[in-house]
Protein backbone atom coordinates (compact mmCIF):
# COMPACT_ATOMS: atom_id res chain seq x y z
CA MET A 1 0.00 0.00 0.00
CA LEU A 2 2.80 2.43 0.86
CA ARG A 3 4.32 2.09 -2.60
CA ASP A 4 0.94 2.79 -4.24
CA VAL A 5 0.54 5.97 -2.19
CA VAL A 6 4.10 7.29 -2.18
CA GLU A 7 5.34 6.58 -5.72
CA PRO A 8 2.87 8.95 -7.40
CA VAL A 9 3.61 11.62 -4.78
CA LEU A 10 7.36 11.39 -5.36
CA ALA A 11 6.92 11.40 -9.12
CA THR A 12 5.45 14.91 -8.93
CA ASP A 13 8.52 16.42 -7.26
CA PHE A 14 11.55 16.77 -9.50
CA GLU A 15 13.87 17.63 -6.60
CA ILE A 16 13.51 14.14 -5.15
CA GLU A 17 15.38 11.22 -6.65
CA VAL A 18 14.39 7.68 -5.72
CA VAL A 19 17.69 5.82 -5.37
CA GLY A 20 16.33 2.40 -4.48
CA MET A 21 13.43 0.24 -3.36
CA VAL A 22 13.35 -2.97 -1.39
CA GLU A 23 10.65 -5.56 -0.98
CA CYS A 24 11.63 -6.85 2.44
CA ARG A 25 13.10 -5.36 5.57
CA ALA A 26 16.23 -7.53 5.39
CA GLU A 27 17.26 -5.64 2.24
CA LEU A 28 16.70 -2.21 3.77
CA GLU A 29 19.95 -1.63 5.69
CA PRO A 30 22.30 -2.75 2.86
CA MET A 31 20.37 -0.57 0.39
CA VAL A 32 20.60 2.49 2.64
CA ARG A 33 24.34 1.97 3.13
CA SER A 34 25.01 1.50 -0.59
CA THR A 35 22.90 4.46 -1.74
CA GLN A 36 23.66 6.79 1.19
CA ALA A 37 20.01 7.90 1.08
CA ASP A 38 19.07 11.11 2.86
CA VAL A 39 15.52 9.98 3.59
CA VAL A 40 14.11 6.46 3.82
CA LEU A 41 10.37 5.86 3.69
CA VAL A 42 8.99 2.79 5.42
CA ALA A 43 5.58 1.38 6.21
CA MET A 44 5.33 0.87 9.94
CA PRO A 45 2.59 -0.77 11.97
CA SER A 46 1.01 1.71 14.36
CA ASP A 47 2.40 -0.09 17.39
CA GLU A 48 5.98 -0.44 16.12
CA GLN A 49 8.62 1.90 17.49
CA ALA A 50 11.72 3.49 15.99
CA GLU A 51 13.92 1.34 18.22
CA SER A 52 13.44 -1.42 15.68
CA TYR A 53 15.27 0.80 13.18
CA ALA A 54 18.04 1.88 15.57
CA GLU A 55 20.72 -0.18 13.82
CA LEU A 56 19.80 1.44 10.50
CA LEU A 57 19.98 4.94 11.97
CA TYR A 58 23.26 4.30 13.84
CA GLY A 59 24.80 2.78 10.72
CA SER A 60 23.71 5.73 8.59
CA PRO A 61 23.57 8.73 10.95
CA ARG A 62 22.80 11.24 8.18
CA THR A 63 19.70 9.30 7.14
CA THR A 64 16.25 10.33 8.30
CA LEU A 65 13.51 7.73 8.50
CA LEU A 66 10.00 8.75 7.40
CA ALA A 67 7.65 6.10 8.77
CA ILE A 68 4.07 6.05 7.55
CA THR A 69 1.64 3.85 9.46
CA HIS A 70 0.01 1.03 7.53
CA ASP A 71 -3.38 2.66 7.83
CA GLY A 72 -2.00 5.87 6.28
CA ARG A 73 -3.26 8.01 9.14
CA GLY A 74 0.03 8.76 10.83
CA ALA A 75 3.58 9.56 9.87
CA PHE A 76 6.69 10.25 11.89
CA LEU A 77 10.23 11.39 11.23
CA TYR A 78 12.98 9.55 13.06
CA ALA A 79 16.63 10.53 13.04
CA LEU A 80 19.65 9.85 15.16
CA ARG A 81 18.16 12.05 17.86
CA PRO A 82 16.28 11.10 21.02
CA HIS A 83 12.85 12.10 19.76
CA LYS A 84 10.35 11.57 17.00
CA VAL A 85 8.52 14.32 15.17
CA PRO A 86 4.87 13.68 14.29
CA ILE A 87 3.73 14.72 10.85
CA GLY A 88 0.24 16.13 11.09
CA ASP A 89 -0.63 16.23 7.41
CA VAL A 90 -0.35 12.79 5.81
CA SER A 91 -1.31 14.08 2.39
CA ARG A 92 0.66 14.53 -0.82
CA ASN A 93 1.86 17.98 0.26
CA GLY A 94 2.50 16.86 3.84
CA ILE A 95 4.66 13.93 2.75
CA LEU A 96 6.65 16.08 0.31
CA ALA A 97 7.16 18.79 2.95
CA ALA A 98 8.37 16.19 5.46
CA ILE A 99 10.86 14.77 2.96
CA HIS A 100 12.18 18.25 2.12
CA ASP A 101 12.43 19.17 5.81
CA ALA A 102 14.30 15.95 6.54
CA CYS A 103 16.75 16.61 3.71
CA ARG A 104 17.42 20.13 4.96
CA ALA A 105 18.01 18.80 8.47
CA THR A 106 20.71 16.38 7.27
CA VAL A 107 22.76 18.98 5.39
């Protein structure tokens, strides 16, 4: 579901380049390391926490994780910082703004 929602959103913004996609979580960390992605989008169950992605964030400290809940009603930014930032607007514009904000924060 995340791919169906996010791909069309990303396709409308020419400042964002998709550098890779993975089908399973086991492929995520190697892909992030090899591409040095600024922002990684993941589908996350509502009850899952960022701690499950700690190894990814520690291994790639400049990467920001944009987690969108499976139901599409919530989104959060996680970075190598001790807090998460809720994203109030889980719409096309809200997702794009969050990605741009995350990229600016990593520079």
